[in-house]
Amino acid sequence: MTSVRVSRREAVFGGLCLCCLPTLGHSAEAFCLDEVAPGTFIRRGIDGEVSADNNDAIANIGFIIGRDSVLVTESGGSRADGNWLRGEIRKRTEKPISHVVLTHVHPDHCFGASAFSEDKPVFIGHHALRGALEARGDFYRQRLEDVLGAEKTGSVIYPTVEVRESAEIDLGGRKLNFTAHGTAHTNCDLSMLDTESGLLFPADLLFVHRIPSLDGSLLGWLKATDWLKNSGAKRAVPGHGPTIVDLDPALADITRYLVALRDQTRKAVSSDVSIEKAVQTVAQDERSKWALFDTYNARNVTQAYKELEWE
């Protein structure tokens, strides 16, 4: 079993990103769902920081209705957020909720899972997710409780089915294929392809408009973007951003940023530029292209520098 050890500082700026974060004062009650494909409903998360008003509803979450049952594509950022999603499912169908996908360790994507416990679904996750949650989960929960309170936060939920390479499930005439990726955005990224609609669900391997948050391997993430590009999918539901996007231009944008981060960090390392100076200069030409750039770029440069200085 993979184990992840993190310091308090790394947890705050890496995993807790809560995932990646200005507060817009957007109440979770104001959210709506887009039907991005027949029987597939997605809510856009806000480009904001977790607050008592938004219940950490900052990630794109939703569900897919099959002939026999329902799969939750992302569970939300807190039990309160998950409860909202469960209520929206029940407005549309009484079919059993058979599966809940935990795409990676970050709380905005997995802390809503406890809202579905009474449904007794299969919780699907990457084979490294349990270790990551064991290392970070309690810390994340406490930080969320500090903001939301214990009742809204919920508990850490572990995967009951772990994907090592790939897996397939059938909701009844609706097959979904899962891929466990190498270390990229995190060390436990899981993507999903809906074979009926052709929609790809890359979770946080794909950020749109909102700056990517590096908590794993920069080189690994670039490798994952190549995989997404060659997946055959034309449209995707990103982890953050619009509920549905054309895949190629969205990948071009995130790849451009990651390449700039890689190349400019490598130049800084080879020129003996200190990490403190690198965070002030690397990828600054990307500032106008991403929401929350000033919040996360310095952290991304720090993570990239630590990785690339040992090439």
Protein backbone atom coordinates (compact mmCIF):
# COMPACT_ATOMS: atom_id res chain seq x y z
CA MET A 1 0.00 0.00 0.00
CA THR A 2 1.34 3.40 -0.92
CA SER A 3 1.97 5.75 1.96
CA VAL A 4 2.27 9.53 1.74
CA ARG A 5 4.04 11.54 4.41
CA VAL A 6 3.50 15.28 4.43
CA SER A 7 4.51 18.08 6.73
CA ARG A 8 1.91 20.50 8.03
CA ARG A 9 3.17 23.14 5.57
CA GLU A 10 2.94 20.76 2.62
CA ALA A 11 -0.56 19.73 3.60
CA VAL A 12 -1.71 23.35 3.81
CA PHE A 13 -0.25 24.43 0.48
CA GLY A 14 -0.45 21.10 -1.32
CA GLY A 15 -3.28 18.81 -0.50
CA LEU A 16 -5.41 21.24 1.39
CA CYS A 17 -5.38 23.58 -1.47
CA LEU A 18 -8.93 23.17 -0.29
CA CYS A 19 -8.11 22.59 -3.51
CA CYS A 20 -7.11 25.82 -5.06
CA LEU A 21 -8.55 29.14 -3.92
CA PRO A 22 -10.79 34.28 -3.71
CA THR A 23 -14.03 34.07 -1.90
CA LEU A 24 -16.92 35.09 -4.12
CA GLY A 25 -19.62 34.93 -1.46
CA HIS A 26 -21.52 32.38 -3.54
CA SER A 27 -24.06 30.41 -1.53
CA ALA A 28 -24.27 26.70 -2.33
CA GLU A 29 -28.05 27.10 -2.46
CA ALA A 30 -27.68 29.13 -5.67
CA PHE A 31 -26.12 26.27 -7.63
CA CYS A 32 -27.80 24.51 -10.53
CA LEU A 33 -26.95 21.44 -12.60
CA ASP A 34 -26.21 21.27 -16.31
CA GLU A 35 -27.28 18.17 -18.23
CA VAL A 36 -24.08 17.85 -20.26
CA ALA A 37 -25.17 14.55 -21.85
CA PRO A 38 -28.34 12.45 -21.54
CA GLY A 39 -28.64 11.44 -17.90
CA THR A 40 -25.39 13.20 -16.94
CA PHE A 41 -25.68 16.19 -14.63
CA ILE A 42 -22.78 18.43 -13.55
CA ARG A 43 -22.57 21.42 -11.22
CA ARG A 44 -19.86 23.98 -11.73
CA GLY A 45 -17.87 24.75 -8.60
CA ILE A 46 -17.00 28.35 -7.80
CA ASP A 47 -13.53 29.78 -8.30
CA GLY A 48 -13.33 30.61 -4.63
CA GLU A 49 -11.98 29.62 -1.26
CA VAL A 50 -13.83 27.41 1.17
CA SER A 51 -16.14 29.42 3.41
CA ALA A 52 -19.06 28.87 5.74
CA ASP A 53 -21.31 30.22 2.99
CA ASN A 54 -20.22 27.89 0.18
CA ASN A 55 -19.64 24.59 2.06
CA ASP A 56 -16.42 24.02 0.06
CA ALA A 57 -18.47 23.72 -3.12
CA ILE A 58 -15.52 24.68 -5.29
CA ALA A 59 -15.15 21.61 -7.51
CA ASN A 60 -17.27 20.37 -10.41
CA ILE A 61 -19.43 17.53 -9.14
CA GLY A 62 -22.33 15.50 -10.49
CA PHE A 63 -23.82 12.14 -11.37
CA ILE A 64 -24.71 9.75 -14.19
CA ILE A 65 -28.02 7.90 -14.33
CA GLY A 66 -27.92 4.44 -15.88
CA ARG A 67 -30.75 2.02 -16.55
CA ASP A 68 -30.29 0.29 -13.19
CA SER A 69 -28.46 2.70 -10.90
CA VAL A 70 -26.66 6.02 -10.40
CA LEU A 71 -22.95 6.83 -10.23
CA VAL A 72 -21.73 9.96 -8.43
CA THR A 73 -18.85 11.38 -10.49
CA GLU A 74 -17.55 13.59 -7.66
CA SER A 75 -19.07 13.80 -4.20
CA GLY A 76 -18.40 17.43 -3.22
CA GLY A 77 -16.23 19.27 -0.72
CA SER A 78 -18.11 18.56 2.50
CA ARG A 79 -20.97 16.49 3.86
CA ALA A 80 -23.21 19.53 3.39
CA ASP A 81 -22.15 19.78 -0.25
CA GLY A 82 -22.70 16.05 -0.68
CA ASN A 83 -26.14 16.33 0.90
CA TRP A 84 -27.03 19.00 -1.64
CA LEU A 85 -25.93 16.71 -4.47
CA ARG A 86 -27.81 13.73 -3.06
CA GLY A 87 -30.94 15.87 -2.87
CA GLU A 88 -30.54 16.85 -6.51
CA ILE A 89 -30.20 13.18 -7.49
CA ARG A 90 -33.41 12.33 -5.66
CA LYS A 91 -35.26 15.10 -7.50
CA ARG A 92 -34.49 13.26 -10.74
CA THR A 93 -34.51 9.55 -9.94
CA GLU A 94 -35.21 7.00 -7.22
CA LYS A 95 -32.73 4.51 -8.69
CA PRO A 96 -30.15 3.29 -6.19
CA ILE A 97 -26.87 5.16 -5.88
CA SER A 98 -24.52 2.27 -6.56
CA HIS A 99 -21.15 3.97 -7.00
CA VAL A 100 -19.36 7.08 -5.72
CA VAL A 101 -16.09 8.05 -7.38
CA LEU A 102 -13.27 9.50 -5.26
CA THR A 103 -11.02 10.94 -7.97
CA HIS A 104 -8.17 11.99 -5.67
CA VAL A 105 -7.28 13.01 -2.13
CA HIS A 106 -8.15 16.72 -2.16
CA PRO A 107 -11.06 17.57 0.15
CA ASP A 108 -13.10 19.54 -2.37
CA HIS A 109 -13.46 16.30 -4.34
CA CYS A 110 -13.97 13.69 -1.64
CA PHE A 111 -15.39 15.08 1.60
CA GLY A 112 -18.95 14.92 0.30
CA ALA A 113 -18.72 11.12 0.19
CA SER A 114 -20.06 10.63 3.71
CA ALA A 115 -23.42 12.04 2.57
CA PHE A 116 -23.87 8.83 0.55
CA SER A 117 -22.92 6.32 3.25
CA GLU A 118 -26.50 5.27 3.91
CA ASP A 119 -26.84 4.28 0.24
CA LYS A 120 -24.06 1.71 0.78
CA PRO A 121 -22.45 2.37 -2.61
CA VAL A 122 -19.14 1.12 -3.90
CA PHE A 123 -16.58 3.87 -3.28
CA ILE A 124 -14.14 3.78 -6.22
CA GLY A 125 -10.63 5.19 -5.88
CA HIS A 126 -7.05 4.97 -7.08
CA HIS A 127 -4.99 2.27 -5.38
CA ALA A 128 -2.86 4.98 -3.71
CA LEU A 129 -5.84 6.95 -2.39
CA ARG A 130 -6.17 5.08 0.91
CA GLY A 131 -2.57 5.83 1.83
CA ALA A 132 -2.99 9.48 0.89
CA LEU A 133 -6.16 9.77 2.99
CA GLU A 134 -4.48 8.05 5.93
CA ALA A 135 -1.71 10.64 5.76
CA ARG A 136 -3.85 13.72 5.19
CA GLY A 137 -7.50 12.98 5.87
CA ASP A 138 -7.68 13.85 9.56
CA PHE A 139 -5.82 17.11 8.99
CA TYR A 140 -8.15 18.04 6.15
CA ARG A 141 -11.17 17.19 8.26
CA GLN A 142 -9.99 19.40 11.11
CA ARG A 143 -9.29 22.31 8.80
CA LEU A 144 -12.77 21.98 7.25
CA GLU A 145 -14.32 21.78 10.71
CA ASP A 146 -12.57 25.03 11.62
CA VAL A 147 -14.38 26.72 8.73
CA LEU A 148 -17.66 24.82 8.41
CA GLY A 149 -18.21 23.12 11.76
CA ALA A 150 -18.21 19.38 12.41
CA GLU A 151 -21.81 18.76 11.32
CA LYS A 152 -21.26 20.17 7.84
CA THR A 153 -17.79 18.71 7.33
CA GLY A 154 -18.40 14.98 7.40
CA SER A 155 -15.92 12.15 7.85
CA VAL A 156 -13.08 10.63 5.85
CA ILE A 157 -14.37 7.92 3.51
CA TYR A 158 -11.97 5.32 2.11
CA PRO A 159 -12.31 3.54 -1.22
CA THR A 160 -13.88 0.09 -1.08
CA VAL A 161 -12.73 -0.73 -4.63
CA GLU A 162 -9.22 0.29 -5.64
CA VAL A 163 -8.21 0.70 -9.28
CA ARG A 164 -4.63 -0.39 -9.95
CA GLU A 165 -4.51 0.13 -13.70
CA SER A 166 -8.01 0.13 -15.18
CA ALA A 167 -11.52 -1.00 -14.36
CA GLU A 168 -15.01 -1.02 -15.87
CA ILE A 169 -18.45 -0.80 -14.31
CA ASP A 170 -21.90 -1.03 -15.88
CA LEU A 171 -24.85 0.99 -14.58
CA GLY A 172 -27.15 -0.92 -16.93
CA GLY A 173 -26.51 -0.06 -20.55
CA ARG A 174 -24.02 2.57 -19.39
CA LYS A 175 -20.40 1.42 -19.18
CA LEU A 176 -17.76 3.54 -17.49
CA ASN A 177 -14.04 2.91 -17.83
CA PHE A 178 -11.56 4.01 -15.15
CA THR A 179 -7.83 4.65 -15.43
CA ALA A 180 -5.42 4.99 -12.51
CA HIS A 181 -2.68 7.45 -13.45
CA GLY A 182 0.87 7.79 -12.22
CA THR A 183 1.79 10.69 -9.96
CA ALA A 184 0.62 13.89 -11.66
CA HIS A 185 -1.73 16.45 -10.08
CA THR A 186 -1.52 14.18 -7.01
CA ASN A 187 -0.22 10.65 -6.46
CA CYS A 188 -3.74 9.19 -6.72
CA ASP A 189 -5.48 10.64 -9.80
CA LEU A 190 -8.32 8.63 -11.30
CA SER A 191 -10.02 9.46 -14.61
CA MET A 192 -13.23 8.07 -16.09
CA LEU A 193 -14.64 7.68 -19.61
CA ASP A 194 -18.37 7.31 -20.28
CA THR A 195 -18.43 5.03 -23.32
CA GLU A 196 -22.03 5.95 -24.20
CA SER A 197 -21.63 9.72 -24.40
CA GLY A 198 -17.89 9.71 -25.14
CA LEU A 199 -17.39 12.20 -22.29
CA LEU A 200 -14.05 12.10 -20.47
CA PHE A 201 -13.96 12.89 -16.75
CA PRO A 202 -10.30 13.72 -16.03
CA ALA A 203 -11.04 15.36 -12.65
CA ASP A 204 -8.17 17.65 -11.64
CA LEU A 205 -5.88 16.44 -14.37
CA LEU A 206 -7.73 19.17 -16.28
CA PHE A 207 -8.21 22.69 -14.93
CA VAL A 208 -9.94 25.29 -17.12
CA HIS A 209 -9.64 29.05 -16.39
CA ARG A 210 -8.52 28.30 -12.83
CA ILE A 211 -4.78 27.87 -12.39
CA PRO A 212 -3.66 24.24 -12.02
CA SER A 213 -2.52 23.25 -8.52
CA LEU A 214 0.59 21.05 -8.48
CA ASP A 215 0.63 18.56 -5.62
CA GLY A 216 2.39 15.63 -7.27
CA SER A 217 4.81 15.58 -10.21
CA LEU A 218 5.09 18.23 -12.91
CA LEU A 219 6.69 15.80 -15.34
CA GLY A 220 4.10 13.20 -14.47
CA TRP A 221 1.29 15.68 -15.10
CA LEU A 222 2.65 16.49 -18.54
CA LYS A 223 2.71 12.77 -19.24
CA ALA A 224 -0.91 12.53 -18.09
CA THR A 225 -1.94 15.36 -20.42
CA ASP A 226 -0.44 13.38 -23.31
CA TRP A 227 -2.54 10.41 -22.24
CA LEU A 228 -5.67 12.56 -22.16
CA LYS A 229 -4.85 13.94 -25.59
CA ASN A 230 -4.59 10.41 -26.98
CA SER A 231 -7.68 9.10 -25.19
CA GLY A 232 -9.89 9.59 -28.24
CA ALA A 233 -12.34 11.81 -26.33
CA LYS A 234 -13.51 15.06 -27.88
CA ARG A 235 -15.24 16.62 -24.88
CA ALA A 236 -14.53 16.57 -21.19
CA VAL A 237 -15.84 17.56 -17.76
CA PRO A 238 -12.90 19.28 -16.04
CA GLY A 239 -12.31 19.21 -12.31
CA HIS A 240 -12.61 23.02 -12.23
CA GLY A 241 -14.06 25.37 -14.81
CA PRO A 242 -17.05 25.08 -17.17
CA THR A 243 -19.15 21.94 -16.78
CA ILE A 244 -18.17 20.74 -20.28
CA VAL A 245 -15.38 21.77 -22.64
CA ASP A 246 -13.83 20.81 -25.95
CA LEU A 247 -10.87 18.71 -24.87
CA ASP A 248 -8.15 19.78 -27.31
CA PRO A 249 -8.14 23.55 -26.62
CA ALA A 250 -8.53 22.98 -22.88
CA LEU A 251 -5.53 20.63 -22.91
CA ALA A 252 -3.58 23.15 -24.98
CA ASP A 253 -4.10 25.79 -22.28
CA ILE A 254 -3.09 23.66 -19.32
CA THR A 255 -0.17 22.17 -21.24
CA ARG A 256 1.07 25.65 -22.12
CA TYR A 257 1.14 26.58 -18.44
CA LEU A 258 2.78 23.35 -17.31
CA VAL A 259 5.43 23.60 -20.03
CA ALA A 260 6.18 27.21 -19.04
CA LEU A 261 6.46 26.07 -15.43
CA ARG A 262 8.80 23.25 -16.43
CA ASP A 263 11.03 25.16 -18.84
CA GLN A 264 11.37 28.32 -16.78
CA THR A 265 11.99 26.39 -13.57
CA ARG A 266 14.67 24.31 -15.30
CA LYS A 267 16.32 27.53 -16.48
CA ALA A 268 16.22 28.93 -12.96
CA VAL A 269 17.78 25.77 -11.54
CA SER A 270 20.54 25.62 -14.17
CA SER A 271 21.31 29.32 -13.61
CA ASP A 272 21.58 28.85 -9.83
CA VAL A 273 18.60 31.13 -9.24
CA SER A 274 17.36 30.54 -5.70
CA ILE A 275 13.93 29.08 -5.12
CA GLU A 276 12.93 32.33 -3.39
CA LYS A 277 13.72 34.32 -6.54
CA ALA A 278 12.29 31.70 -8.87
CA VAL A 279 8.82 31.99 -7.34
CA GLN A 280 8.85 35.69 -8.27
CA THR A 281 9.75 35.19 -11.92
CA VAL A 282 8.75 31.74 -13.23
CA ALA A 283 5.63 31.59 -15.42
CA GLN A 284 4.73 35.22 -14.75
CA ASP A 285 3.71 35.56 -18.41
CA GLU A 286 0.77 33.30 -17.54
CA ARG A 287 -0.69 35.63 -14.89
CA SER A 288 -3.46 37.15 -17.00
CA LYS A 289 -4.60 33.77 -18.28
CA TRP A 290 -5.64 32.12 -14.98
CA ALA A 291 -7.90 32.86 -12.03
CA LEU A 292 -6.12 32.67 -8.66
CA PHE A 293 -2.69 32.94 -10.28
CA ASP A 294 -1.18 34.89 -7.39
CA THR A 295 -2.58 32.40 -4.90
CA TYR A 296 -1.07 29.27 -6.45
CA ASN A 297 1.72 29.96 -8.92
CA ALA A 298 4.38 30.48 -6.25
CA ARG A 299 3.41 27.18 -4.65
CA ASN A 300 3.56 25.47 -8.04
CA VAL A 301 7.03 26.89 -8.70
CA THR A 302 8.22 25.67 -5.32
CA GLN A 303 6.93 22.17 -6.02
CA ALA A 304 8.41 22.16 -9.51
CA TYR A 305 11.78 23.44 -8.29
CA LYS A 306 12.06 20.65 -5.73
CA GLU A 307 11.34 18.09 -8.41
CA LEU A 308 13.50 19.46 -11.21
CA GLU A 309 16.60 20.31 -9.22
CA TRP A 310 17.22 16.56 -8.89
CA GLU A 311 16.91 15.74 -12.60
